[in-house]
Amino acid sequence: MKKILISTLCLIQALLAGDVYATFDVVAEKNSELGLSISGVVGSLHVNVGDKVKKGELLLALNNAGEKKEYEIAQKNAEHAKRTYERYAKIADVIDKEKMENYAYDRDINLLNAQNKEIIVRKTELRAPYDLVVTAKNTELGNIVLGSQTKLLNVVAQDDVKLVLKFDEKYWQNVKIGQKFTYKVDGSDKTYEGKITKIYPTILSATREMQAEVKATGLIPGLFGNGTITVE
């Protein structure tokens, strides 16, 4: 009853001021189901539901000790071949041309091998594609992963949210991109401000409402609230 009364008062105030009343839901800008392209067994798991993770941090990895060992060996071989080439390149004028070509070939082939081994290791690791919050964990240590068929983690963008506004269709000519939206989130007395960044080109047939978006930060996806669009 309290929520209905507050919403009614806000609506009356908006109408008197000539502004447009709107309700909204807080929605994450990015929402992903993460997985891996190859199969294997989960060997390490570094996150739980609710964890905030920075872009590039390791979320989980398949058992990859063998692949990592092969990569380390390949990397050492590549470094050795590079040093050998560079050492003989300094005296190339007194070295047989065919030998120099062989040194160059060894350098290039070992570098390529190391790069291929690194790619294999990366395929066994799941890293954060952006700053995110884990919303669901669909696997545990020791579980089998069947490549892209297995969805491992559900995540949303951290602190990167938008408000999806709904307002009466009769204001379709009044609401424009760049207009100010003053609002409150349910459960808080704090007043926020933002600007309309997008207006949806269709009307919701069930409610005869239009939709628009406002960028926001620091709000949790799933919250809702109401406010007014200042129209000119």
Protein backbone atom coordinates (compact mmCIF):
# COMPACT_ATOMS: atom_id res chain seq x y z
CA MET A 1 0.00 0.00 0.00
CA LYS A 2 2.88 2.36 0.89
CA LYS A 3 4.55 1.75 -2.51
CA ILE A 4 1.27 2.44 -4.33
CA LEU A 5 0.76 5.70 -2.40
CA ILE A 6 4.31 6.90 -3.11
CA SER A 7 4.00 6.04 -6.81
CA THR A 8 0.65 7.86 -6.99
CA LEU A 9 2.09 10.98 -5.35
CA CYS A 10 5.05 10.93 -7.76
CA LEU A 11 2.68 10.59 -10.71
CA ILE A 12 0.54 13.54 -9.54
CA GLN A 13 3.65 15.67 -8.99
CA ALA A 14 4.98 14.82 -12.46
CA LEU A 15 1.71 15.67 -14.15
CA LEU A 16 1.50 19.02 -12.34
CA ALA A 17 5.05 19.90 -13.31
CA GLY A 18 4.52 18.93 -16.93
CA ASP A 19 7.15 16.17 -16.69
CA VAL A 20 6.75 12.53 -17.69
CA TYR A 21 6.40 9.91 -14.97
CA ALA A 22 8.27 6.64 -15.56
CA THR A 23 8.99 3.43 -13.73
CA PHE A 24 12.18 1.45 -14.33
CA ASP A 25 14.10 -1.75 -13.76
CA VAL A 26 17.87 -1.86 -13.19
CA VAL A 27 19.43 -4.14 -15.82
CA ALA A 28 23.06 -5.20 -16.29
CA GLU A 29 24.66 -3.86 -19.49
CA LYS A 30 26.32 -7.24 -20.06
CA ASN A 31 24.98 -10.65 -19.07
CA SER A 32 26.88 -13.77 -20.13
CA GLU A 33 26.97 -17.55 -19.83
CA LEU A 34 30.65 -18.48 -19.87
CA GLY A 35 32.16 -21.77 -21.05
CA LEU A 36 35.19 -23.28 -22.77
CA SER A 37 35.64 -24.52 -26.33
CA ILE A 38 37.40 -27.76 -25.32
CA SER A 39 36.50 -30.71 -23.10
CA GLY A 40 38.19 -31.85 -19.92
CA VAL A 41 37.88 -32.01 -16.14
CA VAL A 42 37.68 -28.94 -13.89
CA GLY A 43 41.04 -28.80 -12.12
CA SER A 44 40.81 -25.41 -10.38
CA LEU A 45 37.91 -23.14 -9.50
CA HIS A 46 38.67 -19.65 -8.20
CA VAL A 47 35.26 -18.00 -7.78
CA ASN A 48 31.96 -18.34 -5.97
CA VAL A 49 28.56 -16.74 -6.48
CA GLY A 50 28.73 -13.05 -5.61
CA ASP A 51 32.46 -12.67 -6.26
CA LYS A 52 33.58 -9.53 -8.10
CA VAL A 53 36.32 -10.22 -10.64
CA LYS A 54 38.44 -7.90 -12.78
CA LYS A 55 38.84 -8.37 -16.53
CA GLY A 56 41.49 -10.97 -17.37
CA GLU A 57 41.52 -12.70 -13.96
CA LEU A 58 41.38 -16.51 -13.93
CA LEU A 59 37.94 -17.91 -13.10
CA LEU A 60 38.62 -21.64 -13.52
CA ALA A 61 40.82 -24.05 -15.44
CA LEU A 62 40.71 -27.62 -16.64
CA ASN A 63 43.38 -30.10 -15.56
CA ASN A 64 46.23 -28.75 -17.68
CA ALA A 65 49.48 -29.67 -15.90
CA GLY A 66 50.69 -31.59 -18.98
CA GLU A 67 49.89 -28.74 -21.35
CA LYS A 68 51.62 -26.21 -19.08
CA LYS A 69 54.74 -28.38 -18.88
CA GLU A 70 54.88 -28.70 -22.67
CA TYR A 71 54.48 -24.93 -23.00
CA GLU A 72 57.32 -24.27 -20.54
CA ILE A 73 59.64 -26.58 -22.49
CA ALA A 74 58.63 -25.04 -25.82
CA GLN A 75 59.18 -21.55 -24.41
CA LYS A 76 62.69 -22.44 -23.19
CA ASN A 77 63.52 -23.96 -26.58
CA ALA A 78 62.30 -20.80 -28.31
CA GLU A 79 64.40 -18.57 -26.05
CA HIS A 80 67.47 -20.77 -26.64
CA ALA A 81 66.99 -20.74 -30.42
CA LYS A 82 66.57 -16.96 -30.37
CA ARG A 83 69.76 -16.42 -28.35
CA THR A 84 71.68 -18.78 -30.62
CA TYR A 85 70.58 -16.92 -33.73
CA GLU A 86 71.37 -13.52 -32.20
CA ARG A 87 74.84 -14.71 -31.14
CA TYR A 88 75.78 -15.93 -34.61
CA ALA A 89 74.09 -12.98 -36.33
CA LYS A 90 76.79 -10.76 -34.85
CA ILE A 91 79.41 -12.62 -36.89
CA ALA A 92 77.22 -13.43 -39.88
CA ASP A 93 79.88 -12.20 -42.30
CA VAL A 94 82.15 -15.12 -41.34
CA ILE A 95 79.40 -17.74 -40.96
CA ASP A 96 78.27 -20.00 -43.77
CA LYS A 97 75.05 -18.60 -45.28
CA GLU A 98 73.27 -21.98 -45.08
CA LYS A 99 74.08 -22.26 -41.36
CA MET A 100 72.64 -18.81 -40.71
CA GLU A 101 69.49 -19.81 -42.55
CA ASN A 102 69.25 -22.91 -40.35
CA TYR A 103 69.66 -20.80 -37.20
CA ALA A 104 66.92 -18.48 -38.41
CA TYR A 105 64.68 -21.44 -39.23
CA ASP A 106 65.22 -22.97 -35.76
CA ARG A 107 64.40 -19.61 -34.15
CA ASP A 108 61.16 -19.20 -36.11
CA ILE A 109 59.94 -22.80 -35.79
CA ASN A 110 60.56 -22.89 -32.03
CA LEU A 111 58.81 -19.56 -31.57
CA LEU A 112 55.80 -20.83 -33.52
CA ASN A 113 55.74 -24.05 -31.48
CA ALA A 114 55.79 -22.06 -28.22
CA GLN A 115 52.94 -19.85 -29.44
CA ASN A 116 50.87 -22.90 -30.37
CA LYS A 117 51.48 -24.46 -26.95
CA GLU A 118 50.43 -21.20 -25.29
CA ILE A 119 47.18 -21.18 -27.26
CA ILE A 120 46.43 -24.72 -26.06
CA VAL A 121 46.99 -23.69 -22.42
CA ARG A 122 44.75 -20.63 -22.84
CA LYS A 123 41.96 -22.81 -24.18
CA THR A 124 41.95 -24.74 -20.88
CA GLU A 125 41.55 -21.54 -18.86
CA LEU A 126 38.42 -19.45 -18.39
CA ARG A 127 39.20 -15.80 -17.70
CA ALA A 128 36.90 -12.84 -17.05
CA PRO A 129 36.03 -11.13 -20.37
CA TYR A 130 35.20 -7.90 -18.50
CA ASP A 131 34.81 -6.63 -14.91
CA LEU A 132 32.04 -8.85 -13.62
CA VAL A 133 30.06 -10.37 -10.78
CA VAL A 134 29.40 -14.12 -10.68
CA THR A 135 25.65 -14.78 -10.46
CA ALA A 136 25.63 -18.59 -10.85
CA LYS A 137 28.19 -21.38 -10.65
CA ASN A 138 27.18 -24.39 -12.73
CA THR A 139 30.16 -26.66 -12.04
CA GLU A 140 32.47 -27.90 -9.28
CA LEU A 141 36.00 -29.28 -8.98
CA GLY A 142 36.32 -32.61 -10.76
CA ASN A 143 33.27 -32.11 -12.98
CA ILE A 144 33.48 -33.08 -16.65
CA VAL A 145 33.30 -30.28 -19.21
CA LEU A 146 31.94 -31.16 -22.64
CA GLY A 147 33.32 -28.23 -24.56
CA SER A 148 30.87 -25.50 -25.52
CA GLN A 149 27.93 -27.70 -24.46
CA THR A 150 28.74 -27.05 -20.79
CA LYS A 151 27.86 -23.62 -19.40
CA LEU A 152 30.20 -23.10 -16.46
CA LEU A 153 29.41 -19.66 -15.00
CA ASN A 154 26.72 -17.02 -15.31
CA VAL A 155 28.00 -13.47 -14.89
CA VAL A 156 26.89 -9.85 -15.21
CA ALA A 157 28.91 -6.68 -15.72
CA GLN A 158 30.19 -5.15 -12.49
CA ASP A 159 28.90 -1.61 -11.76
CA ASP A 160 27.90 -1.27 -15.42
CA VAL A 161 24.11 -1.06 -15.43
CA LYS A 162 21.28 0.76 -17.15
CA LEU A 163 17.75 1.74 -16.23
CA VAL A 164 15.06 0.48 -18.58
CA LEU A 165 12.26 3.03 -18.29
CA LYS A 166 8.58 2.56 -19.06
CA PHE A 167 6.24 5.51 -19.66
CA ASP A 168 2.85 6.17 -21.23
CA GLU A 169 2.80 5.99 -25.03
CA LYS A 170 1.05 9.38 -25.30
CA TYR A 171 4.40 11.03 -24.58
CA TRP A 172 6.09 9.50 -27.61
CA GLN A 173 6.70 12.94 -29.14
CA ASN A 174 7.80 14.58 -25.88
CA VAL A 175 10.54 12.28 -24.62
CA LYS A 176 13.88 12.74 -26.37
CA ILE A 177 17.48 11.55 -26.01
CA GLY A 178 19.51 13.78 -23.68
CA GLN A 179 16.61 14.77 -21.39
CA LYS A 180 17.16 14.56 -17.62
CA PHE A 181 15.67 11.74 -15.60
CA THR A 182 15.35 12.30 -11.83
CA TYR A 183 14.60 9.15 -9.89
CA LYS A 184 14.65 7.11 -6.70
CA VAL A 185 15.34 3.41 -6.26
CA ASP A 186 12.89 1.37 -4.19
CA GLY A 187 14.15 1.06 -0.61
CA SER A 188 16.27 4.23 -0.70
CA ASP A 189 15.52 7.91 -0.12
CA LYS A 190 18.49 9.05 -2.22
CA THR A 191 17.66 11.02 -5.38
CA TYR A 192 19.63 10.23 -8.54
CA GLU A 193 19.89 11.95 -11.91
CA GLY A 194 20.73 10.65 -15.36
CA LYS A 195 20.09 11.35 -19.03
CA ILE A 196 18.06 9.48 -21.60
CA THR A 197 20.52 7.63 -23.85
CA LYS A 198 18.17 5.52 -25.94
CA ILE A 199 14.48 5.43 -26.84
CA TYR A 200 13.02 2.13 -28.02
CA PRO A 201 11.29 2.36 -31.42
CA THR A 202 8.33 0.14 -30.49
CA ILE A 203 5.43 0.23 -28.03
CA LEU A 204 4.63 -2.58 -25.58
CA SER A 205 1.28 -3.82 -26.86
CA ALA A 206 0.24 -5.35 -23.53
CA THR A 207 0.59 -2.12 -21.51
CA ARG A 208 0.67 0.58 -24.21
CA GLU A 209 3.95 1.89 -22.84
CA MET A 210 7.17 3.06 -24.45
CA GLN A 211 10.65 2.27 -23.18
CA ALA A 212 13.86 4.23 -22.85
CA GLU A 213 17.30 3.75 -21.28
CA VAL A 214 19.42 5.71 -18.82
CA LYS A 215 23.05 4.84 -17.93
CA ALA A 216 23.73 4.25 -14.23
CA THR A 217 26.42 3.01 -11.86
CA GLY A 218 26.55 1.54 -8.37
CA LEU A 219 23.13 -0.11 -8.53
CA ILE A 220 22.36 -3.82 -8.30
CA PRO A 221 20.65 -5.46 -11.30
CA GLY A 222 17.08 -6.40 -10.39
CA LEU A 223 16.28 -3.24 -8.41
CA PHE A 224 13.38 -1.06 -9.55
CA GLY A 225 12.06 2.44 -8.92
CA ASN A 226 10.37 5.46 -10.44
CA GLY A 227 11.02 9.06 -11.39
CA THR A 228 10.31 11.85 -13.83
CA ILE A 229 11.66 12.81 -17.23
CA THR A 230 12.12 16.56 -17.62
CA VAL A 231 10.65 17.38 -21.03
CA GLU A 232 10.85 20.68 -22.88
